[in-house]
Amino acid sequence: ASGRTISLYSIGWFRQAPGLEREFVAAVTRGNSTRYAD
């Protein structure tokens, strides 16, 4: 990240394969909680 500190944000990872919709992969909150796609 640049411009602002990343600690202000929850961050997610998404992925998109050709011909498919963007799908959720994983996320981490500002408080460091996490969630993953199955």
Full PDB file with SEQRES, HELIX, SHEET, SSBOND, CRYST1, ORIGX, SCALE, CONECT and MASTER records, all heavy atoms in Angstrom:
SEQRES   1 A   38  ALA SER GLY ARG THR ILE SER LEU TYR SER ILE GLY TRP          
SEQRES   2 A   38  PHE ARG GLN ALA PRO GLY LEU GLU ARG GLU PHE VAL ALA          
SEQRES   3 A   38  ALA VAL THR ARG GLY ASN SER THR ARG TYR ALA ASP              
HELIX    1 AA1 ILE A    6  LEU A    8  5                                   3    
SHEET    1 AA1 3 ILE A  11  ARG A  15  0                                        
SHEET    2 AA1 3 GLU A  23  VAL A  28 -1                                        
SHEET    3 AA1 3 THR A  34  TYR A  36 -1                                        
CRYST1    1.000    1.000    1.000  90.00  90.00  90.00 P 1           1          
ORIGX1      1.000000  0.000000  0.000000        0.00000                         
ORIGX2      0.000000  1.000000  0.000000        0.00000                         
ORIGX3      0.000000  0.000000  1.000000        0.00000                         
SCALE1      1.000000  0.000000  0.000000        0.00000                         
SCALE2      0.000000  1.000000  0.000000        0.00000                         
SCALE3      0.000000  0.000000  1.000000        0.00000                         
ATOM      1  N   ALA A   1       0.830  -1.199   0.000  1.00  0.00           N  
ATOM      2  CA  ALA A   1       0.000   0.000   0.000  1.00  0.00           C  
ATOM      3  C   ALA A   1       0.865   1.250   0.000  1.00  0.00           C  
ATOM      4  O   ALA A   1       1.960   1.267   0.578  1.00  0.00           O  
ATOM      5  CB  ALA A   1      -0.919   0.006   1.209  1.00  0.00           C  
ATOM      6  N   SER A   2       0.353   2.294  -0.624  1.00  0.00           N  
ATOM      7  CA  SER A   2       0.986   3.609  -0.567  1.00  0.00           C  
ATOM      8  C   SER A   2      -0.106   4.659  -0.519  1.00  0.00           C  
ATOM      9  O   SER A   2      -1.260   4.389  -0.870  1.00  0.00           O  
ATOM     10  CB  SER A   2       1.898   3.844  -1.783  1.00  0.00           C  
ATOM     11  OG  SER A   2       1.154   3.813  -2.974  1.00  0.00           O  
ATOM     12  N   GLY A   3       0.260   5.826  -0.072  1.00  0.00           N  
ATOM     13  CA  GLY A   3      -0.702   6.908   0.023  1.00  0.00           C  
ATOM     14  C   GLY A   3      -1.305   7.054   1.405  1.00  0.00           C  
ATOM     15  O   GLY A   3      -1.494   8.156   1.895  1.00  0.00           O  
ATOM     16  N   ARG A   4      -1.664   5.940   2.001  1.00  0.00           N  
ATOM     17  CA  ARG A   4      -2.182   5.919   3.356  1.00  0.00           C  
ATOM     18  C   ARG A   4      -1.717   4.626   4.021  1.00  0.00           C  
ATOM     19  O   ARG A   4      -1.380   3.653   3.354  1.00  0.00           O  
ATOM     20  CB  ARG A   4      -3.708   6.002   3.392  1.00  0.00           C  
ATOM     21  CG  ARG A   4      -4.276   7.275   2.782  1.00  0.00           C  
ATOM     22  CD  ARG A   4      -5.735   7.460   3.162  1.00  0.00           C  
ATOM     23  NE  ARG A   4      -5.891   7.930   4.534  1.00  0.00           N  
ATOM     24  CZ  ARG A   4      -7.065   8.104   5.128  1.00  0.00           C  
ATOM     25  NH1 ARG A   4      -8.179   7.801   4.488  1.00  0.00           N  
ATOM     26  NH2 ARG A   4      -7.124   8.547   6.377  1.00  0.00           N  
ATOM     27  N   THR A   5      -1.736   4.616   5.339  1.00  0.00           N  
ATOM     28  CA  THR A   5      -1.295   3.425   6.048  1.00  0.00           C  
ATOM     29  C   THR A   5      -2.312   2.292   5.903  1.00  0.00           C  
ATOM     30  O   THR A   5      -3.526   2.507   6.028  1.00  0.00           O  
ATOM     31  CB  THR A   5      -1.042   3.723   7.534  1.00  0.00           C  
ATOM     32  OG1 THR A   5      -0.728   2.494   8.197  1.00  0.00           O  
ATOM     33  CG2 THR A   5      -2.253   4.346   8.194  1.00  0.00           C  
ATOM     34  N   ILE A   6      -1.796   1.108   5.635  1.00  0.00           N  
ATOM     35  CA  ILE A   6      -2.673  -0.028   5.397  1.00  0.00           C  
ATOM     36  C   ILE A   6      -3.403  -0.443   6.667  1.00  0.00           C  
ATOM     37  O   ILE A   6      -4.411  -1.158   6.601  1.00  0.00           O  
ATOM     38  CB  ILE A   6      -1.859  -1.208   4.808  1.00  0.00           C  
ATOM     39  CG1 ILE A   6      -2.752  -2.128   3.977  1.00  0.00           C  
ATOM     40  CG2 ILE A   6      -1.102  -1.967   5.889  1.00  0.00           C  
ATOM     41  CD1 ILE A   6      -1.984  -3.136   3.153  1.00  0.00           C  
ATOM     42  N   SER A   7      -2.943   0.001   7.834  1.00  0.00           N  
ATOM     43  CA  SER A   7      -3.579  -0.363   9.097  1.00  0.00           C  
ATOM     44  C   SER A   7      -4.999   0.212   9.210  1.00  0.00           C  
ATOM     45  O   SER A   7      -5.776  -0.239  10.043  1.00  0.00           O  
ATOM     46  CB  SER A   7      -2.734   0.113  10.275  1.00  0.00           C  
ATOM     47  OG  SER A   7      -2.651   1.525  10.299  1.00  0.00           O  
ATOM     48  N   LEU A   8      -5.333   1.180   8.364  1.00  0.00           N  
ATOM     49  CA  LEU A   8      -6.663   1.778   8.380  1.00  0.00           C  
ATOM     50  C   LEU A   8      -7.713   0.918   7.679  1.00  0.00           C  
ATOM     51  O   LEU A   8      -8.908   1.220   7.757  1.00  0.00           O  
ATOM     52  CB  LEU A   8      -6.624   3.145   7.705  1.00  0.00           C  
ATOM     53  CG  LEU A   8      -5.766   4.220   8.373  1.00  0.00           C  
ATOM     54  CD1 LEU A   8      -5.727   5.470   7.503  1.00  0.00           C  
ATOM     55  CD2 LEU A   8      -6.306   4.550   9.751  1.00  0.00           C  
ATOM     56  N   TYR A   9      -7.263  -0.130   7.006  1.00  0.00           N  
ATOM     57  CA  TYR A   9      -8.155  -0.890   6.121  1.00  0.00           C  
ATOM     58  C   TYR A   9      -8.184  -2.370   6.455  1.00  0.00           C  
ATOM     59  O   TYR A   9      -7.194  -2.948   6.909  1.00  0.00           O  
ATOM     60  CB  TYR A   9      -7.695  -0.738   4.666  1.00  0.00           C  
ATOM     61  CG  TYR A   9      -7.647   0.689   4.192  1.00  0.00           C  
ATOM     62  CD1 TYR A   9      -6.471   1.425   4.289  1.00  0.00           C  
ATOM     63  CD2 TYR A   9      -8.774   1.302   3.658  1.00  0.00           C  
ATOM     64  CE1 TYR A   9      -6.421   2.742   3.856  1.00  0.00           C  
ATOM     65  CE2 TYR A   9      -8.729   2.613   3.222  1.00  0.00           C  
ATOM     66  CZ  TYR A   9      -7.549   3.332   3.329  1.00  0.00           C  
ATOM     67  OH  TYR A   9      -7.506   4.630   2.911  1.00  0.00           O  
ATOM     68  N   SER A  10      -9.334  -2.957   6.194  1.00  0.00           N  
ATOM     69  CA  SER A  10      -9.397  -4.402   6.062  1.00  0.00           C  
ATOM     70  C   SER A  10      -9.016  -4.733   4.627  1.00  0.00           C  
ATOM     71  O   SER A  10      -9.375  -4.000   3.697  1.00  0.00           O  
ATOM     72  CB  SER A  10     -10.802  -4.912   6.372  1.00  0.00           C  
ATOM     73  OG  SER A  10     -11.134  -4.633   7.707  1.00  0.00           O  
ATOM     74  N   ILE A  11      -8.296  -5.824   4.454  1.00  0.00           N  
ATOM     75  CA  ILE A  11      -7.774  -6.184   3.137  1.00  0.00           C  
ATOM     76  C   ILE A  11      -8.301  -7.541   2.703  1.00  0.00           C  
ATOM     77  O   ILE A  11      -8.299  -8.498   3.492  1.00  0.00           O  
ATOM     78  CB  ILE A  11      -6.236  -6.223   3.143  1.00  0.00           C  
ATOM     79  CG1 ILE A  11      -5.670  -4.872   3.576  1.00  0.00           C  
ATOM     80  CG2 ILE A  11      -5.710  -6.628   1.759  1.00  0.00           C  
ATOM     81  CD1 ILE A  11      -5.964  -3.720   2.640  1.00  0.00           C  
ATOM     82  N   GLY A  12      -8.736  -7.601   1.472  1.00  0.00           N  
ATOM     83  CA  GLY A  12      -9.193  -8.864   0.911  1.00  0.00           C  
ATOM     84  C   GLY A  12      -8.386  -9.241  -0.312  1.00  0.00           C  
ATOM     85  O   GLY A  12      -7.838  -8.376  -1.004  1.00  0.00           O  
ATOM     86  N   TRP A  13      -8.319 -10.527  -0.537  1.00  0.00           N  
ATOM     87  CA  TRP A  13      -7.761 -11.061  -1.785  1.00  0.00           C  
ATOM     88  C   TRP A  13      -8.906 -11.713  -2.559  1.00  0.00           C  
ATOM     89  O   TRP A  13      -9.680 -12.486  -1.986  1.00  0.00           O  
ATOM     90  CB  TRP A  13      -6.675 -12.098  -1.531  1.00  0.00           C  
ATOM     91  CG  TRP A  13      -5.349 -11.538  -1.126  1.00  0.00           C  
ATOM     92  CD1 TRP A  13      -4.870 -11.398   0.142  1.00  0.00           C  
ATOM     93  CD2 TRP A  13      -4.328 -11.055  -1.993  1.00  0.00           C  
ATOM     94  NE1 TRP A  13      -3.607 -10.856   0.115  1.00  0.00           N  
ATOM     95  CE2 TRP A  13      -3.243 -10.636  -1.183  1.00  0.00           C  
ATOM     96  CE3 TRP A  13      -4.195 -10.947  -3.385  1.00  0.00           C  
ATOM     97  CZ2 TRP A  13      -2.059 -10.118  -1.716  1.00  0.00           C  
ATOM     98  CZ3 TRP A  13      -3.024 -10.431  -3.913  1.00  0.00           C  
ATOM     99  CH2 TRP A  13      -1.972 -10.017  -3.084  1.00  0.00           C  
ATOM    100  N   PHE A  14      -8.965 -11.392  -3.830  1.00  0.00           N  
ATOM    101  CA  PHE A  14      -9.935 -11.985  -4.733  1.00  0.00           C  
ATOM    102  C   PHE A  14      -9.179 -12.519  -5.943  1.00  0.00           C  
ATOM    103  O   PHE A  14      -8.058 -12.096  -6.213  1.00  0.00           O  
ATOM    104  CB  PHE A  14     -10.961 -10.941  -5.195  1.00  0.00           C  
ATOM    105  CG  PHE A  14     -11.885 -10.482  -4.101  1.00  0.00           C  
ATOM    106  CD1 PHE A  14     -11.462  -9.569  -3.137  1.00  0.00           C  
ATOM    107  CD2 PHE A  14     -13.192 -10.960  -4.031  1.00  0.00           C  
ATOM    108  CE1 PHE A  14     -12.311  -9.154  -2.128  1.00  0.00           C  
ATOM    109  CE2 PHE A  14     -14.049 -10.544  -3.022  1.00  0.00           C  
ATOM    110  CZ  PHE A  14     -13.597  -9.644  -2.077  1.00  0.00           C  
ATOM    111  N   ARG A  15      -9.809 -13.433  -6.666  1.00  0.00           N  
ATOM    112  CA  ARG A  15      -9.186 -13.927  -7.875  1.00  0.00           C  
ATOM    113  C   ARG A  15     -10.232 -14.049  -8.984  1.00  0.00           C  
ATOM    114  O   ARG A  15     -11.417 -14.197  -8.718  1.00  0.00           O  
ATOM    115  CB  ARG A  15      -8.503 -15.272  -7.640  1.00  0.00           C  
ATOM    116  CG  ARG A  15      -9.445 -16.414  -7.287  1.00  0.00           C  
ATOM    117  CD  ARG A  15      -8.635 -17.642  -6.876  1.00  0.00           C  
ATOM    118  NE  ARG A  15      -9.503 -18.783  -6.570  1.00  0.00           N  
ATOM    119  CZ  ARG A  15      -9.057 -19.935  -6.075  1.00  0.00           C  
ATOM    120  NH1 ARG A  15      -7.762 -20.093  -5.818  1.00  0.00           N  
ATOM    121  NH2 ARG A  15      -9.901 -20.919  -5.820  1.00  0.00           N  
ATOM    122  N   GLN A  16      -9.738 -13.956 -10.211  1.00  0.00           N  
ATOM    123  CA  GLN A  16     -10.625 -14.057 -11.363  1.00  0.00           C  
ATOM    124  C   GLN A  16      -9.944 -14.853 -12.456  1.00  0.00           C  
ATOM    125  O   GLN A  16      -8.870 -14.461 -12.943  1.00  0.00           O  
ATOM    126  CB  GLN A  16     -11.018 -12.669 -11.875  1.00  0.00           C  
ATOM    127  CG  GLN A  16     -12.088 -12.704 -12.950  1.00  0.00           C  
ATOM    128  CD  GLN A  16     -12.733 -11.353 -13.178  1.00  0.00           C  
ATOM    129  OE1 GLN A  16     -12.192 -10.311 -12.805  1.00  0.00           O  
ATOM    130  NE2 GLN A  16     -13.916 -11.356 -13.770  1.00  0.00           N  
ATOM    131  N   ALA A  17     -10.558 -15.952 -12.808  1.00  0.00           N  
ATOM    132  CA  ALA A  17     -10.079 -16.785 -13.906  1.00  0.00           C  
ATOM    133  C   ALA A  17     -10.808 -16.384 -15.180  1.00  0.00           C  
ATOM    134  O   ALA A  17     -11.915 -15.833 -15.107  1.00  0.00           O  
ATOM    135  CB  ALA A  17     -10.295 -18.249 -13.583  1.00  0.00           C  
ATOM    136  N   PRO A  18     -10.232 -16.657 -16.334  1.00  0.00           N  
ATOM    137  CA  PRO A  18     -10.869 -16.275 -17.604  1.00  0.00           C  
ATOM    138  C   PRO A  18     -12.277 -16.846 -17.724  1.00  0.00           C  
ATOM    139  O   PRO A  18     -12.498 -18.037 -17.486  1.00  0.00           O  
ATOM    140  CB  PRO A  18      -9.933 -16.876 -18.658  1.00  0.00           C  
ATOM    141  CG  PRO A  18      -8.611 -16.944 -17.993  1.00  0.00           C  
ATOM    142  CD  PRO A  18      -8.905 -17.258 -16.555  1.00  0.00           C  
ATOM    143  N   GLY A  19     -13.217 -15.969 -18.057  1.00  0.00           N  
ATOM    144  CA  GLY A  19     -14.597 -16.396 -18.249  1.00  0.00           C  
ATOM    145  C   GLY A  19     -15.394 -16.588 -16.980  1.00  0.00           C  
ATOM    146  O   GLY A  19     -16.577 -16.931 -17.046  1.00  0.00           O  
ATOM    147  N   LEU A  20     -14.764 -16.362 -15.842  1.00  0.00           N  
ATOM    148  CA  LEU A  20     -15.459 -16.560 -14.569  1.00  0.00           C  
ATOM    149  C   LEU A  20     -15.568 -15.245 -13.819  1.00  0.00           C  
ATOM    150  O   LEU A  20     -14.840 -14.290 -14.093  1.00  0.00           O  
ATOM    151  CB  LEU A  20     -14.721 -17.589 -13.717  1.00  0.00           C  
ATOM    152  CG  LEU A  20     -14.592 -18.984 -14.303  1.00  0.00           C  
ATOM    153  CD1 LEU A  20     -13.824 -19.891 -13.345  1.00  0.00           C  
ATOM    154  CD2 LEU A  20     -15.957 -19.579 -14.630  1.00  0.00           C  
ATOM    155  N   GLU A  21     -16.472 -15.221 -12.848  1.00  0.00           N  
ATOM    156  CA  GLU A  21     -16.626 -14.028 -12.031  1.00  0.00           C  
ATOM    157  C   GLU A  21     -15.509 -13.955 -10.989  1.00  0.00           C  
ATOM    158  O   GLU A  21     -14.895 -14.956 -10.631  1.00  0.00           O  
ATOM    159  CB  GLU A  21     -17.989 -14.055 -11.319  1.00  0.00           C  
ATOM    160  CG  GLU A  21     -19.168 -13.921 -12.255  1.00  0.00           C  
ATOM    161  CD  GLU A  21     -20.479 -13.789 -11.504  1.00  0.00           C  
ATOM    162  OE1 GLU A  21     -20.480 -13.882 -10.270  1.00  0.00           O  
ATOM    163  OE2 GLU A  21     -21.517 -13.588 -12.177  1.00  0.00           O  
ATOM    164  N   ARG A  22     -15.283 -12.742 -10.524  1.00  0.00           N  
ATOM    165  CA  ARG A  22     -14.315 -12.543  -9.461  1.00  0.00           C  
ATOM    166  C   ARG A  22     -14.812 -13.243  -8.210  1.00  0.00           C  
ATOM    167  O   ARG A  22     -15.981 -13.125  -7.841  1.00  0.00           O  
ATOM    168  CB  ARG A  22     -14.136 -11.052  -9.206  1.00  0.00           C  
ATOM    169  CG  ARG A  22     -13.038 -10.692  -8.246  1.00  0.00           C  
ATOM    170  CD  ARG A  22     -12.755  -9.211  -8.292  1.00  0.00           C  
ATOM    171  NE  ARG A  22     -12.224  -8.811  -9.601  1.00  0.00           N  
ATOM    172  CZ  ARG A  22     -11.746  -7.578  -9.848  1.00  0.00           C  
ATOM    173  NH1 ARG A  22     -11.738  -6.669  -8.887  1.00  0.00           N  
ATOM    174  NH2 ARG A  22     -11.292  -7.283 -11.042  1.00  0.00           N  
ATOM    175  N   GLU A  23     -13.929 -13.988  -7.553  1.00  0.00           N  
ATOM    176  CA  GLU A  23     -14.336 -14.721  -6.360  1.00  0.00           C  
ATOM    177  C   GLU A  23     -13.438 -14.390  -5.176  1.00  0.00           C  
ATOM    178  O   GLU A  23     -12.235 -14.117  -5.323  1.00  0.00           O  
ATOM    179  CB  GLU A  23     -14.325 -16.237  -6.613  1.00  0.00           C  
ATOM    180  CG  GLU A  23     -12.976 -16.846  -6.853  1.00  0.00           C  
ATOM    181  CD  GLU A  23     -13.021 -18.372  -6.860  1.00  0.00           C  
ATOM    182  OE1 GLU A  23     -14.059 -18.961  -6.532  1.00  0.00           O  
ATOM    183  OE2 GLU A  23     -11.975 -18.976  -7.194  1.00  0.00           O  
ATOM    184  N   PHE A  24     -14.034 -14.450  -4.019  1.00  0.00           N  
ATOM    185  CA  PHE A  24     -13.345 -14.176  -2.765  1.00  0.00           C  
ATOM    186  C   PHE A  24     -12.352 -15.288  -2.467  1.00  0.00           C  
ATOM    187  O   PHE A  24     -12.647 -16.466  -2.679  1.00  0.00           O  
ATOM    188  CB  PHE A  24     -14.358 -14.066  -1.641  1.00  0.00           C  
ATOM    189  CG  PHE A  24     -13.763 -14.044  -0.278  1.00  0.00           C  
ATOM    190  CD1 PHE A  24     -13.126 -12.900   0.195  1.00  0.00           C  
ATOM    191  CD2 PHE A  24     -13.830 -15.150   0.548  1.00  0.00           C  
ATOM    192  CE1 PHE A  24     -12.578 -12.870   1.461  1.00  0.00           C  
ATOM    193  CE2 PHE A  24     -13.295 -15.134   1.818  1.00  0.00           C  
ATOM    194  CZ  PHE A  24     -12.661 -13.992   2.269  1.00  0.00           C  
ATOM    195  N   VAL A  25     -11.183 -14.896  -1.931  1.00  0.00           N  
ATOM    196  CA  VAL A  25     -10.160 -15.863  -1.532  1.00  0.00           C  
ATOM    197  C   VAL A  25      -9.920 -15.796  -0.027  1.00  0.00           C  
ATOM    198  O   VAL A  25     -10.024 -16.801   0.672  1.00  0.00           O  
ATOM    199  CB  VAL A  25      -8.836 -15.604  -2.285  1.00  0.00           C  
ATOM    200  CG1 VAL A  25      -7.750 -16.550  -1.790  1.00  0.00           C  
ATOM    201  CG2 VAL A  25      -9.035 -15.744  -3.789  1.00  0.00           C  
ATOM    202  N   ALA A  26      -9.600 -14.607   0.470  1.00  0.00           N  
ATOM    203  CA  ALA A  26      -9.267 -14.457   1.891  1.00  0.00           C  
ATOM    204  C   ALA A  26      -9.360 -13.000   2.270  1.00  0.00           C  
ATOM    205  O   ALA A  26      -9.265 -12.117   1.412  1.00  0.00           O  
ATOM    206  CB  ALA A  26      -7.865 -14.990   2.189  1.00  0.00           C  
ATOM    207  N   ALA A  27      -9.545 -12.755   3.565  1.00  0.00           N  
ATOM    208  CA  ALA A  27      -9.599 -11.387   4.069  1.00  0.00           C  
ATOM    209  C   ALA A  27      -8.997 -11.333   5.458  1.00  0.00           C  
ATOM    210  O   ALA A  27      -9.060 -12.304   6.218  1.00  0.00           O  
ATOM    211  CB  ALA A  27     -11.032 -10.858   4.094  1.00  0.00           C  
ATOM    212  N   VAL A  28      -8.431 -10.174   5.765  1.00  0.00           N  
ATOM    213  CA  VAL A  28      -7.931  -9.904   7.111  1.00  0.00           C  
ATOM    214  C   VAL A  28      -8.431  -8.524   7.514  1.00  0.00           C  
ATOM    215  O   VAL A  28      -8.303  -7.561   6.762  1.00  0.00           O  
ATOM    216  CB  VAL A  28      -6.387 -10.012   7.179  1.00  0.00           C  
ATOM    217  CG1 VAL A  28      -5.699  -9.050   6.227  1.00  0.00           C  
ATOM    218  CG2 VAL A  28      -5.901  -9.795   8.610  1.00  0.00           C  
ATOM    219  N   THR A  29      -9.021  -8.436   8.692  1.00  0.00           N  
ATOM    220  CA  THR A  29      -9.571  -7.171   9.155  1.00  0.00           C  
ATOM    221  C   THR A  29      -8.497  -6.313   9.813  1.00  0.00           C  
ATOM    222  O   THR A  29      -7.369  -6.747  10.041  1.00  0.00           O  
ATOM    223  CB  THR A  29     -10.695  -7.399  10.166  1.00  0.00           C  
ATOM    224  OG1 THR A  29     -10.118  -7.947  11.364  1.00  0.00           O  
ATOM    225  CG2 THR A  29     -11.749  -8.353   9.630  1.00  0.00           C  
ATOM    226  N   ARG A  30      -8.886  -5.083  10.150  1.00  0.00           N  
ATOM    227  CA  ARG A  30      -7.969  -4.206  10.870  1.00  0.00           C  
ATOM    228  C   ARG A  30      -7.579  -4.808  12.209  1.00  0.00           C  
ATOM    229  O   ARG A  30      -6.482  -4.592  12.698  1.00  0.00           O  
ATOM    230  CB  ARG A  30      -8.619  -2.833  11.055  1.00  0.00           C  
ATOM    231  CG  ARG A  30      -8.683  -2.016   9.786  1.00  0.00           C  
ATOM    232  CD  ARG A  30      -9.421  -0.714  10.002  1.00  0.00           C  
ATOM    233  NE  ARG A  30     -10.845  -0.931  10.161  1.00  0.00           N  
ATOM    234  CZ  ARG A  30     -11.730   0.039  10.333  1.00  0.00           C  
ATOM    235  NH1 ARG A  30     -11.321   1.294  10.388  1.00  0.00           N  
ATOM    236  NH2 ARG A  30     -13.006  -0.225  10.454  1.00  0.00           N  
ATOM    237  N   GLY A  31      -8.500  -5.573  12.786  1.00  0.00           N  
ATOM    238  CA  GLY A  31      -8.225  -6.234  14.052  1.00  0.00           C  
ATOM    239  C   GLY A  31      -7.553  -7.577  13.916  1.00  0.00           C  
ATOM    240  O   GLY A  31      -7.388  -8.289  14.908  1.00  0.00           O  
ATOM    241  N   ASN A  32      -7.166  -7.944  12.682  1.00  0.00           N  
ATOM    242  CA  ASN A  32      -6.423  -9.165  12.387  1.00  0.00           C  
ATOM    243  C   ASN A  32      -7.262 -10.438  12.419  1.00  0.00           C  
ATOM    244  O   ASN A  32      -6.713 -11.546  12.508  1.00  0.00           O  
ATOM    245  CB  ASN A  32      -5.220  -9.325  13.310  1.00  0.00           C  
ATOM    246  CG  ASN A  32      -3.971  -9.748  12.546  1.00  0.00           C  
ATOM    247  OD1 ASN A  32      -3.823  -9.492  11.355  1.00  0.00           O  
ATOM    248  ND2 ASN A  32      -3.078 -10.442  13.231  1.00  0.00           N  
ATOM    249  N   SER A  33      -8.584 -10.298  12.344  1.00  0.00           N  
ATOM    250  CA  SER A  33      -9.416 -11.479  12.133  1.00  0.00           C  
ATOM    251  C   SER A  33      -9.307 -11.888  10.672  1.00  0.00           C  
ATOM    252  O   SER A  33      -9.138 -11.042   9.796  1.00  0.00           O  
ATOM    253  CB  SER A  33     -10.864 -11.187  12.489  1.00  0.00           C  
ATOM    254  OG  SER A  33     -10.987 -10.900  13.860  1.00  0.00           O  
ATOM    255  N   THR A  34      -9.431 -13.189  10.422  1.00  0.00           N  
ATOM    256  CA  THR A  34      -9.271 -13.680   9.058  1.00  0.00           C  
ATOM    257  C   THR A  34     -10.442 -14.561   8.642  1.00  0.00           C  
ATOM    258  O   THR A  34     -11.148 -15.130   9.486  1.00  0.00           O  
ATOM    259  CB  THR A  34      -7.973 -14.495   8.903  1.00  0.00           C  
ATOM    260  OG1 THR A  34      -8.006 -15.589   9.821  1.00  0.00           O  
ATOM    261  CG2 THR A  34      -6.753 -13.635   9.168  1.00  0.00           C  
ATOM    262  N   ARG A  35     -10.629 -14.648   7.346  1.00  0.00           N  
ATOM    263  CA  ARG A  35     -11.645 -15.534   6.784  1.00  0.00           C  
ATOM    264  C   ARG A  35     -11.125 -16.039   5.449  1.00  0.00           C  
ATOM    265  O   ARG A  35     -10.447 -15.296   4.725  1.00  0.00           O  
ATOM    266  CB  ARG A  35     -12.976 -14.827   6.593  1.00  0.00           C  
ATOM    267  CG  ARG A  35     -14.067 -15.777   6.081  1.00  0.00           C  
ATOM    268  CD  ARG A  35     -15.394 -15.100   5.927  1.00  0.00           C  
ATOM    269  NE  ARG A  35     -16.390 -15.994   5.334  1.00  0.00           N  
ATOM    270  CZ  ARG A  35     -17.395 -16.505   6.014  1.00  0.00           C  
ATOM    271  NH1 ARG A  35     -17.570 -16.225   7.303  1.00  0.00           N  
ATOM    272  NH2 ARG A  35     -18.265 -17.309   5.413  1.00  0.00           N  
ATOM    273  N   TYR A  36     -11.462 -17.288   5.137  1.00  0.00           N  
ATOM    274  CA  TYR A  36     -11.002 -17.911   3.906  1.00  0.00           C  
ATOM    275  C   TYR A  36     -12.163 -18.526   3.144  1.00  0.00           C  
ATOM    276  O   TYR A  36     -13.125 -19.002   3.742  1.00  0.00           O  
ATOM    277  CB  TYR A  36      -9.980 -19.010   4.209  1.00  0.00           C  
ATOM    278  CG  TYR A  36      -8.732 -18.502   4.882  1.00  0.00           C  
ATOM    279  CD1 TYR A  36      -8.640 -18.457   6.269  1.00  0.00           C  
ATOM    280  CD2 TYR A  36      -7.657 -18.041   4.127  1.00  0.00           C  
ATOM    281  CE1 TYR A  36      -7.500 -17.970   6.887  1.00  0.00           C  
ATOM    282  CE2 TYR A  36      -6.515 -17.561   4.746  1.00  0.00           C  
ATOM    283  CZ  TYR A  36      -6.448 -17.526   6.127  1.00  0.00           C  
ATOM    284  OH  TYR A  36      -5.320 -17.038   6.731  1.00  0.00           O  
ATOM    285  N   ALA A  37     -12.021 -18.554   1.840  1.00  0.00           N  
ATOM    286  CA  ALA A  37     -12.974 -19.300   1.028  1.00  0.00           C  
ATOM    287  C   ALA A  37     -12.720 -20.792   1.228  1.00  0.00           C  
ATOM    288  O   ALA A  37     -11.571 -21.213   1.451  1.00  0.00           O  
ATOM    289  CB  ALA A  37     -12.806 -18.923  -0.441  1.00  0.00           C  
ATOM    290  N   ASP A  38     -13.764 -21.588   1.115  1.00  0.00           N  
ATOM    291  CA  ASP A  38     -13.631 -23.019   1.353  1.00  0.00           C  
ATOM    292  C   ASP A  38     -12.558 -23.677   0.480  1.00  0.00           C  
ATOM    293  O   ASP A  38     -11.795 -24.530   0.965  1.00  0.00           O  
ATOM    294  CB  ASP A  38     -14.978 -23.710   1.130  1.00  0.00           C  
ATOM    295  CG  ASP A  38     -15.969 -23.405   2.249  1.00  0.00           C  
ATOM    296  OD1 ASP A  38     -15.534 -22.936   3.320  1.00  0.00           O  
ATOM    297  OD2 ASP A  38     -17.172 -23.640   2.049  1.00  0.00           O  
TER     298      ASP A  38                                                      
MASTER        0    0    0    1    3    0    0    6  297    1    0    3          
END                                                                             
